[in-house]
PDB file of N, CA and C in Angstrom:
ATOM      1  N   MET A   1       4.129   2.813 -37.132  1.00  0.00           N
ATOM      2  CA  MET A   1       4.941   1.939 -36.173  1.00  0.00           C
ATOM      3  C   MET A   1       5.593   2.998 -35.178  1.00  0.00           C
ATOM      4  N   LYS A   2       6.048   4.141 -35.518  1.00  0.00           N
ATOM      5  CA  LYS A   2       6.752   5.231 -34.468  1.00  0.00           C
ATOM      6  C   LYS A   2       5.408   5.511 -33.659  1.00  0.00           C
ATOM      7  N   ARG A   3       4.582   5.641 -33.982  1.00  0.00           N
ATOM      8  CA  ARG A   3       3.481   6.164 -33.110  1.00  0.00           C
ATOM      9  C   ARG A   3       2.952   5.204 -31.852  1.00  0.00           C
ATOM     10  N   VAL A   4       2.962   4.000 -32.339  1.00  0.00           N
ATOM     11  CA  VAL A   4       2.733   2.800 -31.809  1.00  0.00           C
ATOM     12  C   VAL A   4       4.029   2.819 -30.508  1.00  0.00           C
ATOM     13  N   ALA A   5       5.075   2.834 -31.069  1.00  0.00           N
ATOM     14  CA  ALA A   5       6.250   2.862 -30.215  1.00  0.00           C
ATOM     15  C   ALA A   5       6.256   4.086 -29.106  1.00  0.00           C
ATOM     16  N   PHE A   6       5.889   5.373 -29.669  1.00  0.00           N
ATOM     17  CA  PHE A   6       6.000   6.322 -28.704  1.00  0.00           C
ATOM     18  C   PHE A   6       4.929   6.208 -27.907  1.00  0.00           C
ATOM     19  N   ALA A   7       3.504   5.989 -28.021  1.00  0.00           N
ATOM     20  CA  ALA A   7       2.406   5.648 -27.245  1.00  0.00           C
ATOM     21  C   ALA A   7       2.939   4.653 -26.182  1.00  0.00           C
ATOM     22  N   PHE A   8       3.620   3.418 -26.640  1.00  0.00           N
ATOM     23  CA  PHE A   8       3.975   2.709 -25.651  1.00  0.00           C
ATOM     24  C   PHE A   8       4.957   3.083 -24.674  1.00  0.00           C
ATOM     25  N   LEU A   9       6.008   3.776 -25.403  1.00  0.00           N
ATOM     26  CA  LEU A   9       6.975   4.732 -23.919  1.00  0.00           C
ATOM     27  C   LEU A   9       6.262   5.454 -23.444  1.00  0.00           C
ATOM     28  N   ALA A  10       5.361   6.519 -23.745  1.00  0.00           N
ATOM     29  CA  ALA A  10       4.659   7.371 -22.912  1.00  0.00           C
ATOM     30  C   ALA A  10       3.709   6.494 -21.787  1.00  0.00           C
ATOM     31  N   ALA A  11       3.061   5.527 -22.394  1.00  0.00           N
ATOM     32  CA  ALA A  11       2.484   4.745 -21.357  1.00  0.00           C
ATOM     33  C   ALA A  11       3.443   4.310 -20.205  1.00  0.00           C
ATOM     34  N   MET A  12       4.561   3.752 -20.598  1.00  0.00           N
ATOM     35  CA  MET A  12       5.624   3.110 -19.485  1.00  0.00           C
ATOM     36  C   MET A  12       6.051   4.263 -18.512  1.00  0.00           C
ATOM     37  N   LEU A  13       6.265   5.284 -19.201  1.00  0.00           N
ATOM     38  CA  LEU A  13       6.880   6.749 -18.541  1.00  0.00           C
ATOM     39  C   LEU A  13       5.527   7.045 -17.447  1.00  0.00           C
ATOM     40  N   ALA A  14       4.578   7.060 -17.797  1.00  0.00           N
ATOM     41  CA  ALA A  14       3.337   7.419 -16.938  1.00  0.00           C
ATOM     42  C   ALA A  14       3.222   6.423 -15.934  1.00  0.00           C
ATOM     43  N   ALA A  15       3.614   5.298 -16.330  1.00  0.00           N
ATOM     44  CA  ALA A  15       3.114   4.331 -15.106  1.00  0.00           C
ATOM     45  C   ALA A  15       4.221   4.388 -14.150  1.00  0.00           C
ATOM     46  N   ASN A  16       5.270   4.737 -14.571  1.00  0.00           N
ATOM     47  CA  ASN A  16       6.644   4.817 -13.540  1.00  0.00           C
ATOM     48  C   ASN A  16       6.430   6.081 -12.705  1.00  0.00           C
ATOM     49  N   ALA A  17       5.849   7.259 -13.375  1.00  0.00           N
ATOM     50  CA  ALA A  17       5.653   8.604 -12.571  1.00  0.00           C
ATOM     51  C   ALA A  17       4.548   8.290 -11.487  1.00  0.00           C
ATOM     52  N   GLN A  18       3.701   7.080 -11.749  1.00  0.00           N
ATOM     53  CA  GLN A  18       2.932   7.267 -10.825  1.00  0.00           C
ATOM     54  C   GLN A  18       2.967   6.130  -9.563  1.00  0.00           C
ATOM     55  N   ALA A  19       3.931   5.494  -9.725  1.00  0.00           N
ATOM     56  CA  ALA A  19       4.510   4.195  -8.955  1.00  0.00           C
ATOM     57  C   ALA A  19       4.673   5.275  -7.623  1.00  0.00           C
ATOM     58  N   GLY A  20       4.713   4.348  -6.474  1.00  0.00           N
ATOM     59  CA  GLY A  20       4.780   4.516  -5.313  1.00  0.00           C
ATOM     60  C   GLY A  20       5.843   4.872  -4.759  1.00  0.00           C
ATOM     61  N   ASP A  21       6.704   5.567  -3.750  1.00  0.00           N
ATOM     62  CA  ASP A  21       7.489   6.230  -3.140  1.00  0.00           C
ATOM     63  C   ASP A  21       7.705   5.504  -1.746  1.00  0.00           C
ATOM     64  N   PRO A  22       8.363   4.343  -1.680  1.00  0.00           N
ATOM     65  CA  PRO A  22       8.454   3.786  -0.316  1.00  0.00           C
ATOM     66  C   PRO A  22       8.699   4.586   0.817  1.00  0.00           C
ATOM     67  N   ALA A  23       9.953   5.696   0.658  1.00  0.00           N
ATOM     68  CA  ALA A  23      10.300   6.519   1.707  1.00  0.00           C
ATOM     69  C   ALA A  23       9.035   7.340   2.208  1.00  0.00           C
ATOM     70  N   LYS A  24       8.069   7.818   1.191  1.00  0.00           N
ATOM     71  CA  LYS A  24       7.042   8.710   1.747  1.00  0.00           C
ATOM     72  C   LYS A  24       6.071   7.771   2.109  1.00  0.00           C
ATOM     73  N   GLY A  25       6.018   6.624   1.496  1.00  0.00           N
ATOM     74  CA  GLY A  25       5.002   5.249   2.214  1.00  0.00           C
ATOM     75  C   GLY A  25       5.274   5.014   3.754  1.00  0.00           C
ATOM     76  N   LYS A  26       6.743   5.023   3.743  1.00  0.00           N
ATOM     77  CA  LYS A  26       6.987   4.803   5.435  1.00  0.00           C
ATOM     78  C   LYS A  26       6.269   5.817   6.369  1.00  0.00           C
ATOM     79  N   GLU A  27       6.841   6.798   5.812  1.00  0.00           N
ATOM     80  CA  GLU A  27       6.239   8.165   6.597  1.00  0.00           C
ATOM     81  C   GLU A  27       4.992   8.155   6.923  1.00  0.00           C
ATOM     82  N   LYS A  28       4.403   8.080   5.875  1.00  0.00           N
ATOM     83  CA  LYS A  28       2.616   8.363   5.700  1.00  0.00           C
ATOM     84  C   LYS A  28       2.284   6.867   6.874  1.00  0.00           C
ATOM     85  N   ALA A  29       2.813   5.624   6.412  1.00  0.00           N
ATOM     86  CA  ALA A  29       2.232   4.522   7.461  1.00  0.00           C
ATOM     87  C   ALA A  29       2.618   4.577   8.822  1.00  0.00           C
ATOM     88  N   ALA A  30       3.676   5.489   9.228  1.00  0.00           N
ATOM     89  CA  ALA A  30       3.844   5.635  10.476  1.00  0.00           C
ATOM     90  C   ALA A  30       2.761   6.329  11.146  1.00  0.00           C
ATOM     91  N   GLN A  31       2.232   7.416  10.294  1.00  0.00           N
ATOM     92  CA  GLN A  31       0.947   8.281  10.775  1.00  0.00           C
ATOM     93  C   GLN A  31      -0.120   7.654  10.854  1.00  0.00           C
ATOM     94  N   VAL A  32      -0.284   6.626   9.951  1.00  0.00           N
ATOM     95  CA  VAL A  32      -1.689   5.967   9.528  1.00  0.00           C
ATOM     96  C   VAL A  32      -1.774   4.705   9.969  1.00  0.00           C
ATOM     97  N   CYS A  33      -0.953   3.694   9.560  1.00  0.00           N
ATOM     98  CA  CYS A  33      -0.919   2.193   9.624  1.00  0.00           C
ATOM     99  C   CYS A  33      -0.381   1.503  10.846  1.00  0.00           C
ATOM    100  N   ALA A  34       0.733   2.121  11.649  1.00  0.00           N
ATOM    101  CA  ALA A  34       1.691   1.400  12.493  1.00  0.00           C
ATOM    102  C   ALA A  34       0.840   0.876  13.550  1.00  0.00           C
ATOM    103  N   ALA A  35      -0.185   1.984  13.969  1.00  0.00           N
ATOM    104  CA  ALA A  35      -0.803   1.308  15.478  1.00  0.00           C
ATOM    105  C   ALA A  35      -1.299  -0.143  15.318  1.00  0.00           C
ATOM    106  N   CYS A  36      -2.008  -0.451  14.001  1.00  0.00           N
ATOM    107  CA  CYS A  36      -2.797  -1.517  14.193  1.00  0.00           C
ATOM    108  C   CYS A  36      -1.908  -2.664  13.219  1.00  0.00           C
ATOM    109  N   HIS A  37      -0.715  -2.407  12.361  1.00  0.00           N
ATOM    110  CA  HIS A  37      -0.255  -2.956  11.647  1.00  0.00           C
ATOM    111  C   HIS A  37       1.212  -3.426  11.911  1.00  0.00           C
ATOM    112  N   GLY A  38       1.881  -2.530  12.624  1.00  0.00           N
ATOM    113  CA  GLY A  38       3.205  -2.595  13.106  1.00  0.00           C
ATOM    114  C   GLY A  38       3.930  -1.594  12.109  1.00  0.00           C
ATOM    115  N   PRO A  39       5.184  -1.091  12.892  1.00  0.00           N
ATOM    116  CA  PRO A  39       5.588  -0.102  11.614  1.00  0.00           C
ATOM    117  C   PRO A  39       6.358  -0.483  10.462  1.00  0.00           C
ATOM    118  N   ASP A  40       6.589  -1.740  10.181  1.00  0.00           N
ATOM    119  CA  ASP A  40       6.737  -2.286   9.114  1.00  0.00           C
ATOM    120  C   ASP A  40       5.901  -3.022   8.490  1.00  0.00           C
ATOM    121  N   GLY A  41       4.609  -3.433   9.047  1.00  0.00           N
ATOM    122  CA  GLY A  41       3.571  -4.245   8.486  1.00  0.00           C
ATOM    123  C   GLY A  41       3.693  -5.693   9.021  1.00  0.00           C
ATOM    124  N   ASN A  42       4.349  -5.865  10.103  1.00  0.00           N
ATOM    125  CA  ASN A  42       4.594  -7.487  10.575  1.00  0.00           C
ATOM    126  C   ASN A  42       4.100  -7.668  12.119  1.00  0.00           C
ATOM    127  N   LYS A  43       3.401  -6.485  12.330  1.00  0.00           N
ATOM    128  CA  LYS A  43       3.022  -6.821  13.837  1.00  0.00           C
ATOM    129  C   LYS A  43       1.656  -6.424  14.165  1.00  0.00           C
ATOM    130  N   PRO A  44       0.808  -7.095  13.558  1.00  0.00           N
ATOM    131  CA  PRO A  44      -0.659  -6.518  13.501  1.00  0.00           C
ATOM    132  C   PRO A  44      -1.123  -6.711  15.033  1.00  0.00           C
ATOM    133  N   SER A  45      -1.967  -5.686  15.641  1.00  0.00           N
ATOM    134  CA  SER A  45      -2.291  -5.737  17.000  1.00  0.00           C
ATOM    135  C   SER A  45      -3.492  -6.446  17.517  1.00  0.00           C
ATOM    136  N   ALA A  46      -4.105  -7.131  16.654  1.00  0.00           N
ATOM    137  CA  ALA A  46      -5.183  -7.959  16.774  1.00  0.00           C
ATOM    138  C   ALA A  46      -5.123  -9.207  15.636  1.00  0.00           C
ATOM    139  N   PRO A  47      -5.582 -10.328  16.156  1.00  0.00           N
ATOM    140  CA  PRO A  47      -5.521 -11.541  15.109  1.00  0.00           C
ATOM    141  C   PRO A  47      -6.060 -11.517  13.829  1.00  0.00           C
ATOM    142  N   ASP A  48      -7.136 -10.604  13.727  1.00  0.00           N
ATOM    143  CA  ASP A  48      -7.808 -10.346  12.640  1.00  0.00           C
ATOM    144  C   ASP A  48      -7.187  -9.213  11.523  1.00  0.00           C
ATOM    145  N   GLN A  49      -6.327  -8.888  12.141  1.00  0.00           N
ATOM    146  CA  GLN A  49      -5.614  -7.829  11.315  1.00  0.00           C
ATOM    147  C   GLN A  49      -4.624  -8.660  10.545  1.00  0.00           C
ATOM    148  N   PRO A  50      -4.896  -8.243   9.231  1.00  0.00           N
ATOM    149  CA  PRO A  50      -3.528  -8.926   8.234  1.00  0.00           C
ATOM    150  C   PRO A  50      -1.880  -8.372   8.392  1.00  0.00           C
ATOM    151  N   VAL A  51      -1.069  -9.363   8.144  1.00  0.00           N
ATOM    152  CA  VAL A  51       0.325  -8.689   8.155  1.00  0.00           C
ATOM    153  C   VAL A  51       0.457  -8.297   6.759  1.00  0.00           C
ATOM    154  N   LEU A  52       1.025  -7.119   6.709  1.00  0.00           N
ATOM    155  CA  LEU A  52       1.025  -6.209   5.398  1.00  0.00           C
ATOM    156  C   LEU A  52       2.484  -6.121   4.602  1.00  0.00           C
ATOM    157  N   ALA A  53       3.467  -6.571   5.368  1.00  0.00           N
ATOM    158  CA  ALA A  53       4.828  -6.737   4.912  1.00  0.00           C
ATOM    159  C   ALA A  53       4.814  -7.660   3.848  1.00  0.00           C
ATOM    160  N   GLY A  54       5.491  -7.501   2.382  1.00  0.00           N
ATOM    161  CA  GLY A  54       5.710  -8.364   1.541  1.00  0.00           C
ATOM    162  C   GLY A  54       4.567  -8.890   0.630  1.00  0.00           C
ATOM    163  N   GLN A  55       3.368  -8.053   0.952  1.00  0.00           N
ATOM    164  CA  GLN A  55       2.261  -8.089   0.179  1.00  0.00           C
ATOM    165  C   GLN A  55       2.374  -7.658  -1.132  1.00  0.00           C
ATOM    166  N   TYR A  56       1.782  -7.934  -2.004  1.00  0.00           N
ATOM    167  CA  TYR A  56       2.021  -7.534  -3.263  1.00  0.00           C
ATOM    168  C   TYR A  56       1.519  -6.050  -3.633  1.00  0.00           C
ATOM    169  N   GLU A  57       2.340  -5.162  -4.119  1.00  0.00           N
ATOM    170  CA  GLU A  57       1.818  -3.564  -4.296  1.00  0.00           C
ATOM    171  C   GLU A  57       0.882  -3.530  -4.507  1.00  0.00           C
ATOM    172  N   ASP A  58       0.248  -4.150  -6.030  1.00  0.00           N
ATOM    173  CA  ASP A  58      -1.083  -3.892  -6.849  1.00  0.00           C
ATOM    174  C   ASP A  58      -2.246  -4.415  -5.901  1.00  0.00           C
ATOM    175  N   TYR A  59      -2.141  -5.234  -4.834  1.00  0.00           N
ATOM    176  CA  TYR A  59      -2.861  -5.877  -4.048  1.00  0.00           C
ATOM    177  C   TYR A  59      -3.487  -4.828  -2.663  1.00  0.00           C
ATOM    178  N   LEU A  60      -2.165  -4.290  -2.287  1.00  0.00           N
ATOM    179  CA  LEU A  60      -2.425  -3.099  -1.514  1.00  0.00           C
ATOM    180  C   LEU A  60      -2.966  -1.934  -1.993  1.00  0.00           C
ATOM    181  N   VAL A  61      -2.762  -1.509  -3.174  1.00  0.00           N
ATOM    182  CA  VAL A  61      -3.458  -0.489  -3.854  1.00  0.00           C
ATOM    183  C   VAL A  61      -4.842  -0.634  -3.916  1.00  0.00           C
ATOM    184  N   ARG A  62      -5.094  -1.842  -4.537  1.00  0.00           N
ATOM    185  CA  ARG A  62      -6.650  -2.040  -4.530  1.00  0.00           C
ATOM    186  C   ARG A  62      -7.316  -2.333  -3.497  1.00  0.00           C
ATOM    187  N   ALA A  63      -6.713  -2.889  -2.346  1.00  0.00           N
ATOM    188  CA  ALA A  63      -7.428  -3.039  -1.348  1.00  0.00           C
ATOM    189  C   ALA A  63      -7.628  -1.801  -0.584  1.00  0.00           C
ATOM    190  N   LEU A  64      -6.499  -0.718  -0.292  1.00  0.00           N
ATOM    191  CA  LEU A  64      -6.809   0.645   0.197  1.00  0.00           C
ATOM    192  C   LEU A  64      -7.923   1.597  -0.481  1.00  0.00           C
ATOM    193  N   SER A  65      -7.887   1.530  -1.880  1.00  0.00           N
ATOM    194  CA  SER A  65      -8.746   2.250  -2.818  1.00  0.00           C
ATOM    195  C   SER A  65     -10.131   1.433  -2.598  1.00  0.00           C
ATOM    196  N   ASP A  66     -10.315   0.176  -2.546  1.00  0.00           N
ATOM    197  CA  ASP A  66     -11.788  -0.583  -2.248  1.00  0.00           C
ATOM    198  C   ASP A  66     -12.490   0.125  -0.958  1.00  0.00           C
ATOM    199  N   TYR A  67     -11.349  -0.007   0.087  1.00  0.00           N
ATOM    200  CA  TYR A  67     -11.865   0.513   1.582  1.00  0.00           C
ATOM    201  C   TYR A  67     -12.321   2.084   1.431  1.00  0.00           C
ATOM    202  N   LYS A  68     -11.542   2.654   0.891  1.00  0.00           N
ATOM    203  CA  LYS A  68     -11.783   4.218   0.325  1.00  0.00           C
ATOM    204  C   LYS A  68     -13.047   4.553  -0.252  1.00  0.00           C
ATOM    205  N   ASN A  69     -13.231   3.870  -1.383  1.00  0.00           N
ATOM    206  CA  ASN A  69     -14.681   3.948  -1.933  1.00  0.00           C
ATOM    207  C   ASN A  69     -15.819   3.126  -1.551  1.00  0.00           C
ATOM    208  N   GLY A  70     -15.423   2.476  -0.495  1.00  0.00           N
ATOM    209  CA  GLY A  70     -16.732   1.591  -0.055  1.00  0.00           C
ATOM    210  C   GLY A  70     -17.136   0.366  -0.948  1.00  0.00           C
ATOM    211  N   ARG A  71     -15.969  -0.347  -1.688  1.00  0.00           N
ATOM    212  CA  ARG A  71     -16.110  -1.464  -2.312  1.00  0.00           C
ATOM    213  C   ARG A  71     -15.970  -2.608  -1.466  1.00  0.00           C
ATOM    214  N   ARG A  72     -14.971  -2.401  -0.278  1.00  0.00           N
ATOM    215  CA  ARG A  72     -14.668  -2.977   1.001  1.00  0.00           C
ATOM    216  C   ARG A  72     -15.266  -2.557   2.121  1.00  0.00           C
ATOM    217  N   THR A  73     -15.895  -3.268   2.913  1.00  0.00           N
ATOM    218  CA  THR A  73     -16.521  -2.477   4.472  1.00  0.00           C
ATOM    219  C   THR A  73     -15.739  -2.699   5.472  1.00  0.00           C
ATOM    220  N   ASN A  74     -15.303  -2.042   6.167  1.00  0.00           N
ATOM    221  CA  ASN A  74     -14.633  -2.296   7.354  1.00  0.00           C
ATOM    222  C   ASN A  74     -14.541  -0.539   7.854  1.00  0.00           C
ATOM    223  N   PRO A  75     -15.442  -0.329   8.945  1.00  0.00           N
ATOM    224  CA  PRO A  75     -15.421   1.099   9.418  1.00  0.00           C
ATOM    225  C   PRO A  75     -14.125   1.670  10.056  1.00  0.00           C
ATOM    226  N   ILE A  76     -13.137   0.923  10.541  1.00  0.00           N
ATOM    227  CA  ILE A  76     -12.005   1.450  10.868  1.00  0.00           C
ATOM    228  C   ILE A  76     -11.225   1.860   9.459  1.00  0.00           C
ATOM    229  N   MET A  77     -11.161   0.742   8.800  1.00  0.00           N
ATOM    230  CA  MET A  77     -10.157   1.120   7.611  1.00  0.00           C
ATOM    231  C   MET A  77     -10.842   1.977   6.521  1.00  0.00           C
ATOM    232  N   LYS A  78     -12.189   2.266   6.532  1.00  0.00           N
ATOM    233  CA  LYS A  78     -12.836   3.155   5.676  1.00  0.00           C
ATOM    234  C   LYS A  78     -12.186   4.766   6.222  1.00  0.00           C
ATOM    235  N   GLY A  79     -12.221   4.780   7.693  1.00  0.00           N
ATOM    236  CA  GLY A  79     -11.766   5.924   8.153  1.00  0.00           C
ATOM    237  C   GLY A  79     -10.432   6.596   7.941  1.00  0.00           C
ATOM    238  N   PHE A  80      -9.629   5.344   7.908  1.00  0.00           N
ATOM    239  CA  PHE A  80      -8.279   5.685   7.875  1.00  0.00           C
ATOM    240  C   PHE A  80      -7.931   5.828   6.244  1.00  0.00           C
ATOM    241  N   ALA A  81      -8.578   4.985   5.426  1.00  0.00           N
ATOM    242  CA  ALA A  81      -8.396   5.010   3.639  1.00  0.00           C
ATOM    243  C   ALA A  81      -9.177   6.387   3.225  1.00  0.00           C
ATOM    244  N   GLY A  82      -9.964   6.687   3.754  1.00  0.00           N
ATOM    245  CA  GLY A  82     -10.821   7.811   3.407  1.00  0.00           C
ATOM    246  C   GLY A  82      -9.977   9.250   3.493  1.00  0.00           C
ATOM    247  N   GLN A  83      -8.727   9.132   4.191  1.00  0.00           N
ATOM    248  CA  GLN A  83      -8.113  10.451   4.133  1.00  0.00           C
ATOM    249  C   GLN A  83      -6.980  10.301   3.388  1.00  0.00           C
ATOM    250  N   LEU A  84      -6.417   9.303   2.550  1.00  0.00           N
ATOM    251  CA  LEU A  84      -5.322   9.016   1.832  1.00  0.00           C
ATOM    252  C   LEU A  84      -5.840   9.584   0.609  1.00  0.00           C
ATOM    253  N   SER A  85      -4.663  10.349  -0.221  1.00  0.00           N
ATOM    254  CA  SER A  85      -4.916  10.621  -1.621  1.00  0.00           C
ATOM    255  C   SER A  85      -4.388   9.384  -2.317  1.00  0.00           C
ATOM    256  N   LYS A  86      -4.488   9.445  -3.443  1.00  0.00           N
ATOM    257  CA  LYS A  86      -4.335   7.994  -4.572  1.00  0.00           C
ATOM    258  C   LYS A  86      -2.609   8.022  -4.366  1.00  0.00           C
ATOM    259  N   GLN A  87      -1.948   8.959  -4.523  1.00  0.00           N
ATOM    260  CA  GLN A  87      -0.596   9.039  -3.955  1.00  0.00           C
ATOM    261  C   GLN A  87      -0.300   8.412  -2.838  1.00  0.00           C
ATOM    262  N   ASP A  88      -0.861   8.909  -1.632  1.00  0.00           N
ATOM    263  CA  ASP A  88      -0.250   8.421  -0.249  1.00  0.00           C
ATOM    264  C   ASP A  88      -0.633   6.808  -0.483  1.00  0.00           C
ATOM    265  N   ILE A  89      -1.981   6.158  -1.223  1.00  0.00           N
ATOM    266  CA  ILE A  89      -2.256   4.968  -1.221  1.00  0.00           C
ATOM    267  C   ILE A  89      -1.043   4.222  -2.089  1.00  0.00           C
ATOM    268  N   GLU A  90      -0.517   4.598  -2.928  1.00  0.00           N
ATOM    269  CA  GLU A  90       0.597   4.279  -3.835  1.00  0.00           C
ATOM    270  C   GLU A  90       1.758   4.070  -3.059  1.00  0.00           C
ATOM    271  N   ASP A  91       2.019   5.008  -2.462  1.00  0.00           N
ATOM    272  CA  ASP A  91       3.409   5.342  -1.628  1.00  0.00           C
ATOM    273  C   ASP A  91       3.328   4.166  -0.303  1.00  0.00           C
ATOM    274  N   ILE A  92       2.304   4.346   0.294  1.00  0.00           N
ATOM    275  CA  ILE A  92       2.066   3.088   1.430  1.00  0.00           C
ATOM    276  C   ILE A  92       2.189   1.670   0.862  1.00  0.00           C
ATOM    277  N   ALA A  93       1.367   1.505  -0.385  1.00  0.00           N
ATOM    278  CA  ALA A  93       1.599   0.117  -0.680  1.00  0.00           C
ATOM    279  C   ALA A  93       3.269   0.131  -1.394  1.00  0.00           C
ATOM    280  N   ALA A  94       3.850   0.757  -1.631  1.00  0.00           N
ATOM    281  CA  ALA A  94       4.936   0.793  -2.216  1.00  0.00           C
ATOM    282  C   ALA A  94       6.055   0.433  -0.677  1.00  0.00           C
ATOM    283  N   TRP A  95       5.718   1.146   0.381  1.00  0.00           N
ATOM    284  CA  TRP A  95       6.476   0.664   1.366  1.00  0.00           C
ATOM    285  C   TRP A  95       6.446  -0.526   2.092  1.00  0.00           C
ATOM    286  N   PHE A  96       4.951  -0.836   2.302  1.00  0.00           N
ATOM    287  CA  PHE A  96       4.979  -2.464   2.822  1.00  0.00           C
ATOM    288  C   PHE A  96       5.071  -3.524   1.938  1.00  0.00           C
ATOM    289  N   SER A  97       4.897  -3.365   0.630  1.00  0.00           N
ATOM    290  CA  SER A  97       5.361  -4.503  -0.465  1.00  0.00           C
ATOM    291  C   SER A  97       7.077  -4.495  -0.362  1.00  0.00           C
ATOM    292  N   SER A  98       7.615  -3.562  -0.107  1.00  0.00           N
ATOM    293  CA  SER A  98       9.010  -3.626   0.042  1.00  0.00           C
ATOM    294  C   SER A  98       9.573  -4.124   1.216  1.00  0.00           C
ATOM    295  N   GLN A  99       8.795  -4.466   2.034  1.00  0.00           N
ATOM    296  CA  GLN A  99       9.150  -5.039   3.489  1.00  0.00           C
ATOM    297  C   GLN A  99       9.055  -6.536   3.359  1.00  0.00           C
ATOM    298  N   LYS A 100      10.031  -7.301   4.140  1.00  0.00           N
ATOM    299  CA  LYS A 100      10.164  -8.546   4.244  1.00  0.00           C
ATOM    300  C   LYS A 100       9.405  -9.170   5.137  1.00  0.00           C
ATOM    301  N   GLN A 101       8.449  -9.898   5.013  1.00  0.00           N
ATOM    302  CA  GLN A 101       7.556 -10.486   5.971  1.00  0.00           C
ATOM    303  C   GLN A 101       8.469 -11.567   6.711  1.00  0.00           C
ATOM    304  N   THR A 102       8.487 -11.266   8.172  1.00  0.00           N
ATOM    305  CA  THR A 102       8.898 -12.041   9.054  1.00  0.00           C
ATOM    306  C   THR A 102       7.735 -13.618   9.285  1.00  0.00           C
ATOM    307  N   SER A 103       8.426 -14.318   9.953  1.00  0.00           N
ATOM    308  CA  SER A 103       7.569 -15.684   9.977  1.00  0.00           C
ATOM    309  C   SER A 103       7.139 -15.587  11.314  1.00  0.00           C
ATOM    310  N   LEU A 104       5.735 -16.144  11.449  1.00  0.00           N
ATOM    311  CA  LEU A 104       5.046 -16.221  12.843  1.00  0.00           C
ATOM    312  C   LEU A 104       6.212 -16.473  13.844  1.00  0.00           C
ATOM    313  N   HIS A 105       6.799 -17.312  13.558  1.00  0.00           N
ATOM    314  CA  HIS A 105       8.002 -17.725  14.775  1.00  0.00           C
ATOM    315  C   HIS A 105       8.754 -16.710  15.184  1.00  0.00           C
ATOM    316  N   ASP A 106       9.184 -15.932  14.241  1.00  0.00           N
ATOM    317  CA  ASP A 106       9.913 -14.661  14.552  1.00  0.00           C
ATOM    318  C   ASP A 106       9.452 -13.356  15.302  1.00  0.00           C
ATOM    319  N   GLN A 107       7.908 -13.626  15.195  1.00  0.00           N
ATOM    320  CA  GLN A 107       7.228 -12.472  16.047  1.00  0.00           C
ATOM    321  C   GLN A 107       6.936 -12.748  17.448  1.00  0.00           C
ATOM    322  N   ARG A 108       7.108 -13.936  17.945  1.00  0.00           N
ATOM    323  CA  ARG A 108       7.140 -14.128  19.081  1.00  0.00           C
ATOM    324  C   ARG A 108       7.982 -13.393  20.431  1.00  0.00           C
TER     325      ARG A 108
END
């Protein structure tokens, strides 16, 4: 029983150690994402670009990882995601998921 509890605790600590840092994500997003998605992910520069603010963190991690490894195809996103480390992806996802999504009415 102690081994199971220890393994569970170790897994939880490892998961927390890998969690994204929103402050670092904000800094990286300003360099990589803001031009197309806005500084907080609420102002896409084109109608076909998604609002990232308020998205689920795990969804953003998966989407960026899929662009990086080619499971999702978009030449622009492949180029941007391709330069990100796993930690960068986690941090960016933490930043955008922590932002409040504004309504479309508020964006006008």
